[in-house]
Amino acid sequence: MSASSPAFPENAGVVIPRQHFVQCASPTGLHRMAYTEWGDPANPRVLVCVHGLARSGRDFDRLAATLAQTFRVVCPDVVGRGLSSWLADPNGYNVPQYVADMVTLIARLNVPTVDWFGTSMGGLIGLALAGLAETPVRRMLLNDVGPHLEPAALARIGTYLGQPFRFTSLQQGIDMSAQLAQSFGPLSDDEWREINTPLLVEREGAWQFRYDPRIAQPFAAITPDAAALGEAILWQALAAFTGEVLVVRGAQSDLLSPQTVARMIEQGHAVSSVEIADVGHAPAFVDAAQIEIARRFFHDAGRDVII
């Protein structure tokens, strides 16, 4: 199922994406995952861009428009977010389900390999997929995330995730989204409006976040033992992946520490890193200089990224 989305203006010279949906399965039934697709649909060079915990695939509009001349860029809304379905059982909001959905998506795209750009949660999904035998992932950019996540940052995210925010106007919702994501960096009002508007929907006379608030339930239920097991699995995935990895860290990030980045470089096969000044968790990649980091990595060798 596909259609041109009226949310994308038909401006001359602007690359216009296509809106699609793919049907995926969970233990409790079927659900639809939405995704936007940019560039030539016949292009075998595919870049999959996956967003953070409470964000959407529309975070990547500027990045996708820039790279669409070379890549078929695909930006899914992870289940429970954006235009995707909500799961019947909130316990299904976990990395294994997200990986299964991405395998279904890649099968729909009908390509043997993909490159991967993952921000925060999107990076964890990519890392888990990349560590599997016969993975389709060829090269991966991890945006401010690694196998070890700092507990203080997770606690900070937990203070607002799933809260019943209601806004009297779209602008009020955009402003709150900007406040919650202020560590993304110094974005302009227009840039905040661009990436935050897709996060909001009007329901019952008020503006609310689109994502299923129940994604907070499994997030809050993670025990220290479960977190340690998940981290160990992700370190194994990193060690198993033989493709190139670029770790991008916001210099002020509270989620990804310099020590974790150093360990990733040591334990991975071909891991390099770059740090972006004046940004926390996570770099928004709407800035031209940040987009250039991704462009060079995915177009070039990706080993000598300089900013």
Protein backbone atom coordinates (compact mmCIF):
# COMPACT_ATOMS: atom_id res chain seq x y z
CA MET A 1 0.00 0.00 0.00
CA SER A 2 1.49 3.36 -0.92
CA ALA A 3 0.55 6.92 -1.69
CA SER A 4 2.12 10.32 -2.03
CA SER A 5 1.72 12.08 1.30
CA PRO A 6 0.10 15.54 1.34
CA ALA A 7 2.39 16.36 4.27
CA PHE A 8 5.25 16.80 1.82
CA PRO A 9 5.00 20.05 -0.15
CA GLU A 10 5.43 19.92 -3.92
CA ASN A 11 8.17 22.56 -4.09
CA ALA A 12 10.31 22.80 -7.19
CA GLY A 13 13.69 21.19 -6.67
CA VAL A 14 12.64 19.39 -3.49
CA VAL A 15 12.96 15.60 -3.34
CA ILE A 16 9.50 14.24 -2.49
CA PRO A 17 9.25 10.99 -0.51
CA ARG A 18 6.63 8.31 -0.89
CA GLN A 19 4.57 7.01 2.05
CA HIS A 20 4.28 3.22 2.37
CA PHE A 21 3.17 0.58 4.84
CA VAL A 22 4.33 -3.01 5.35
CA GLN A 23 2.47 -5.70 7.31
CA CYS A 24 4.46 -7.31 10.12
CA ALA A 25 3.72 -10.05 12.66
CA SER A 26 3.95 -10.27 16.43
CA PRO A 27 2.96 -13.13 18.78
CA THR A 28 -0.46 -11.48 19.27
CA GLY A 29 -1.27 -10.74 15.65
CA LEU A 30 -0.46 -8.48 12.72
CA HIS A 31 0.41 -4.79 12.62
CA ARG A 32 1.36 -2.21 10.02
CA MET A 33 4.68 -0.42 9.99
CA ALA A 34 4.78 2.89 8.12
CA TYR A 35 7.83 4.11 6.27
CA THR A 36 8.81 6.95 3.96
CA GLU A 37 10.94 6.17 0.94
CA TRP A 38 13.17 8.65 -0.87
CA GLY A 39 15.01 8.38 -4.18
CA ASP A 40 14.81 5.87 -7.01
CA PRO A 41 12.72 2.85 -5.90
CA ALA A 42 14.77 0.66 -8.26
CA ASN A 43 18.10 1.70 -6.73
CA PRO A 44 19.76 -1.38 -5.16
CA ARG A 45 21.76 0.85 -2.79
CA VAL A 46 19.46 1.17 0.21
CA LEU A 47 20.01 3.18 3.37
CA VAL A 48 17.66 2.41 6.27
CA CYS A 49 17.35 5.20 8.86
CA VAL A 50 15.77 4.32 12.20
CA HIS A 51 14.81 6.85 14.87
CA GLY A 52 14.99 7.09 18.64
CA LEU A 53 12.67 5.85 21.37
CA ALA A 54 9.79 8.34 21.11
CA ARG A 55 10.58 9.91 17.73
CA SER A 56 9.57 9.11 14.12
CA GLY A 57 11.09 8.38 10.73
CA ARG A 58 10.41 11.98 9.73
CA ASP A 59 13.41 13.01 11.84
CA PHE A 60 15.48 12.06 8.78
CA ASP A 61 13.74 14.21 6.14
CA ARG A 62 16.73 16.48 5.51
CA LEU A 63 19.29 13.68 5.66
CA ALA A 64 17.19 11.52 3.33
CA ALA A 65 16.61 14.31 0.82
CA THR A 66 20.37 14.91 0.64
CA LEU A 67 21.35 11.26 0.23
CA ALA A 68 18.46 10.33 -2.10
CA GLN A 69 20.54 11.19 -5.16
CA THR A 70 22.75 8.19 -4.42
CA PHE A 71 20.62 5.95 -2.18
CA ARG A 72 17.11 4.67 -1.92
CA VAL A 73 16.55 5.97 1.61
CA VAL A 74 13.94 4.24 3.75
CA CYS A 75 12.81 5.73 7.07
CA PRO A 76 10.41 3.53 9.08
CA ASP A 77 8.22 4.56 11.99
CA VAL A 78 9.00 1.84 14.52
CA VAL A 79 5.80 0.08 15.63
CA GLY A 80 3.92 2.14 18.21
CA ARG A 81 5.26 5.40 16.78
CA GLY A 82 4.42 7.81 13.97
CA LEU A 83 1.92 6.40 11.49
CA SER A 84 2.58 2.78 12.48
CA SER A 85 0.13 0.57 14.35
CA TRP A 86 0.12 0.12 18.10
CA LEU A 87 0.74 -3.40 19.39
CA ALA A 88 -2.05 -5.27 21.17
CA ASP A 89 0.41 -6.32 23.89
CA PRO A 90 2.75 -3.55 25.10
CA ASN A 91 5.27 -6.15 26.23
CA GLY A 92 6.04 -6.53 22.53
CA TYR A 93 7.74 -3.15 22.49
CA ASN A 94 11.25 -4.57 22.58
CA VAL A 95 14.32 -4.90 20.39
CA PRO A 96 13.62 -8.49 19.21
CA GLN A 97 10.20 -7.42 17.86
CA TYR A 98 11.71 -4.34 16.21
CA VAL A 99 14.42 -6.47 14.58
CA ALA A 100 11.78 -8.88 13.25
CA ASP A 101 9.86 -5.95 11.79
CA MET A 102 12.99 -4.61 10.09
CA VAL A 103 13.69 -8.04 8.57
CA THR A 104 10.17 -7.94 7.12
CA LEU A 105 10.77 -4.42 5.81
CA ILE A 106 14.06 -5.40 4.14
CA ALA A 107 12.35 -8.39 2.54
CA ARG A 108 9.73 -5.98 1.14
CA LEU A 109 12.52 -3.79 -0.27
CA ASN A 110 13.86 -6.86 -2.09
CA VAL A 111 17.56 -6.08 -1.72
CA PRO A 112 20.31 -8.37 -0.38
CA THR A 113 22.08 -5.71 1.70
CA VAL A 114 21.36 -2.35 3.31
CA ASP A 115 23.35 0.36 5.01
CA TRP A 116 22.05 1.48 8.40
CA PHE A 117 21.74 4.82 10.19
CA GLY A 118 20.42 4.35 13.72
CA THR A 119 19.78 7.07 16.28
CA SER A 120 19.62 5.89 19.90
CA MET A 121 17.03 3.05 19.88
CA GLY A 122 17.42 2.83 16.09
CA GLY A 123 21.10 2.12 16.64
CA LEU A 124 20.35 -0.65 19.11
CA ILE A 125 17.98 -2.25 16.60
CA GLY A 126 20.64 -2.00 13.90
CA LEU A 127 23.35 -3.40 16.15
CA ALA A 128 21.19 -6.38 17.11
CA LEU A 129 20.39 -7.05 13.45
CA ALA A 130 24.01 -6.59 12.38
CA GLY A 131 25.18 -9.23 14.84
CA LEU A 132 23.03 -11.99 13.34
CA ALA A 133 24.47 -14.60 11.01
CA GLU A 134 23.94 -13.67 7.35
CA THR A 135 22.93 -10.14 8.35
CA PRO A 136 21.82 -7.86 5.51
CA VAL A 137 23.55 -4.88 7.17
CA ARG A 138 26.65 -3.82 5.23
CA ARG A 139 27.77 -0.64 6.99
CA MET A 140 26.36 1.12 10.05
CA LEU A 141 26.33 4.57 11.63
CA LEU A 142 25.40 4.52 15.32
CA ASN A 143 24.19 7.95 16.39
CA ASP A 144 25.00 8.46 20.08
CA VAL A 145 24.39 4.91 21.21
CA GLY A 146 26.34 1.77 22.02
CA PRO A 147 25.96 -1.51 23.92
CA HIS A 148 26.34 0.24 27.28
CA LEU A 149 23.80 2.94 28.15
CA GLU A 150 24.42 5.24 31.10
CA PRO A 151 21.81 4.60 33.83
CA ALA A 152 21.37 8.30 34.65
CA ALA A 153 20.30 9.02 31.08
CA LEU A 154 17.81 6.15 31.10
CA ALA A 155 16.38 7.49 34.36
CA ARG A 156 16.03 10.94 32.77
CA ILE A 157 14.16 9.52 29.78
CA GLY A 158 11.91 7.55 32.10
CA THR A 159 10.69 10.74 33.80
CA TYR A 160 8.74 11.84 30.71
CA LEU A 161 8.24 8.75 28.53
CA GLY A 162 4.56 7.82 28.30
CA GLN A 163 3.31 10.78 30.34
CA PRO A 164 -0.22 11.93 29.34
CA PHE A 165 0.74 15.26 27.78
CA ARG A 166 -2.14 17.26 26.29
CA PHE A 167 -1.63 20.52 24.43
CA THR A 168 -4.09 23.27 23.51
CA SER A 169 -2.30 23.93 20.21
CA LEU A 170 0.09 22.28 17.80
CA GLN A 171 2.70 24.93 18.58
CA GLN A 172 2.52 24.14 22.28
CA GLY A 173 3.23 20.50 21.48
CA ILE A 174 6.12 21.44 19.20
CA ASP A 175 7.59 23.60 21.96
CA MET A 176 7.29 20.84 24.56
CA SER A 177 8.90 18.35 22.17
CA ALA A 178 11.75 20.80 21.70
CA GLN A 179 12.13 21.16 25.45
CA LEU A 180 12.28 17.39 25.94
CA ALA A 181 14.82 17.10 23.10
CA GLN A 182 16.86 20.22 23.84
CA SER A 183 20.05 18.13 24.01
CA PHE A 184 19.68 17.50 20.24
CA GLY A 185 21.51 20.79 19.77
CA PRO A 186 20.82 24.43 18.90
CA LEU A 187 18.05 23.98 16.31
CA SER A 188 16.11 26.89 14.85
CA ASP A 189 12.36 27.33 15.39
CA ASP A 190 11.75 26.13 11.83
CA GLU A 191 13.91 23.04 12.37
CA TRP A 192 12.08 22.14 15.60
CA ARG A 193 8.77 22.59 13.80
CA GLU A 194 9.96 20.39 10.95
CA ILE A 195 11.00 17.39 13.06
CA ASN A 196 8.43 17.72 15.87
CA THR A 197 5.20 18.29 13.93
CA PRO A 198 5.07 14.61 12.79
CA LEU A 199 5.20 13.55 16.45
CA LEU A 200 1.84 15.15 17.23
CA VAL A 201 -1.80 14.43 16.44
CA GLU A 202 -5.09 16.09 17.40
CA ARG A 203 -7.42 13.77 19.33
CA GLU A 204 -10.59 14.63 21.25
CA GLY A 205 -10.00 18.36 21.06
CA ALA A 206 -6.38 18.36 22.21
CA TRP A 207 -2.98 17.78 20.69
CA GLN A 208 -1.10 14.70 21.93
CA PHE A 209 1.98 12.71 21.09
CA ARG A 210 1.34 10.09 18.40
CA TYR A 211 3.34 7.32 20.05
CA ASP A 212 1.68 4.63 22.13
CA PRO A 213 2.23 5.72 25.76
CA ARG A 214 2.45 2.05 26.70
CA ILE A 215 5.98 1.92 25.25
CA ALA A 216 6.93 3.19 28.70
CA GLN A 217 5.79 -0.03 30.37
CA PRO A 218 8.52 -2.42 29.18
CA PHE A 219 11.06 0.42 29.43
CA ALA A 220 10.24 0.93 33.11
CA ALA A 221 10.13 -2.83 33.79
CA ILE A 222 13.76 -3.49 32.78
CA THR A 223 15.62 -4.97 35.75
CA PRO A 224 19.38 -4.62 36.34
CA ASP A 225 19.85 -8.28 35.41
CA ALA A 226 17.89 -7.88 32.18
CA ALA A 227 19.84 -4.73 31.32
CA ALA A 228 23.14 -6.54 31.90
CA LEU A 229 22.05 -9.46 29.71
CA GLY A 230 20.91 -7.12 26.94
CA GLU A 231 24.20 -5.25 27.08
CA ALA A 232 26.20 -8.48 26.86
CA ILE A 233 24.21 -9.52 23.78
CA LEU A 234 24.90 -6.18 22.10
CA TRP A 235 28.64 -6.39 22.81
CA GLN A 236 28.61 -9.83 21.19
CA ALA A 237 26.71 -8.39 18.23
CA LEU A 238 29.30 -5.65 17.79
CA ALA A 239 32.13 -8.19 17.92
CA ALA A 240 30.37 -10.40 15.37
CA PHE A 241 29.74 -7.65 12.81
CA THR A 242 32.56 -7.36 10.27
CA GLY A 243 31.30 -4.30 8.39
CA GLU A 244 32.39 -0.74 9.02
CA VAL A 245 30.84 1.13 11.94
CA LEU A 246 30.95 4.86 12.61
CA VAL A 247 30.01 5.90 16.14
CA VAL A 248 28.84 9.51 16.34
CA ARG A 249 28.79 10.95 19.85
CA GLY A 250 27.37 14.24 21.05
CA ALA A 251 30.15 15.77 23.15
CA GLN A 252 27.66 16.50 25.96
CA SER A 253 25.85 13.15 25.73
CA ASP A 254 24.69 11.63 29.00
CA LEU A 255 23.77 8.31 27.34
CA LEU A 256 26.96 7.35 25.49
CA SER A 257 30.21 7.85 27.39
CA PRO A 258 33.69 8.33 25.87
CA GLN A 259 34.72 5.15 27.69
CA THR A 260 32.02 3.14 25.90
CA VAL A 261 33.10 4.58 22.55
CA ALA A 262 36.71 3.60 23.25
CA ARG A 263 35.65 0.06 24.13
CA MET A 264 33.56 -0.16 20.94
CA ILE A 265 36.61 0.80 18.87
CA GLU A 266 38.67 -1.80 20.67
CA GLN A 267 36.20 -4.67 20.44
CA GLY A 268 34.70 -4.05 16.99
CA HIS A 269 36.28 -5.06 13.71
CA ALA A 270 36.25 -1.72 11.90
CA VAL A 271 34.90 0.90 14.27
CA SER A 272 35.77 4.59 14.03
CA SER A 273 34.24 7.55 15.84
CA VAL A 274 33.54 11.25 15.62
CA GLU A 275 32.38 13.65 18.32
CA ILE A 276 30.13 16.65 17.68
CA ALA A 277 30.65 19.71 19.85
CA ASP A 278 27.82 21.55 21.65
CA VAL A 279 25.40 18.63 21.30
CA GLY A 280 24.13 16.05 23.78
CA HIS A 281 21.91 13.04 23.16
CA ALA A 282 21.47 12.80 20.25
CA PRO A 283 22.74 14.85 17.30
CA ALA A 284 19.69 15.74 15.19
CA PHE A 285 21.40 15.51 11.77
CA VAL A 286 19.40 18.37 10.32
CA ASP A 287 22.52 20.56 10.25
CA ALA A 288 24.44 20.49 6.95
CA ALA A 289 27.76 19.74 8.67
CA GLN A 290 26.29 16.76 10.51
CA ILE A 291 24.64 15.47 7.34
CA GLU A 292 28.03 15.70 5.63
CA ILE A 293 29.45 13.29 8.22
CA ALA A 294 26.86 10.70 7.22
CA ARG A 295 27.26 11.42 3.50
CA ARG A 296 31.01 10.89 3.64
CA PHE A 297 30.70 7.71 5.67
CA PHE A 298 28.15 6.06 3.43
CA HIS A 299 29.60 7.33 0.15
CA ASP A 300 33.30 7.05 0.92
CA ALA A 301 35.53 4.72 2.87
CA GLY A 302 34.22 6.08 6.14
CA ARG A 303 37.49 5.67 8.04
CA ASP A 304 38.77 9.25 8.09
CA VAL A 305 35.76 11.37 8.94
CA ILE A 306 36.80 14.90 9.92
CA ILE A 307 34.72 17.78 11.23
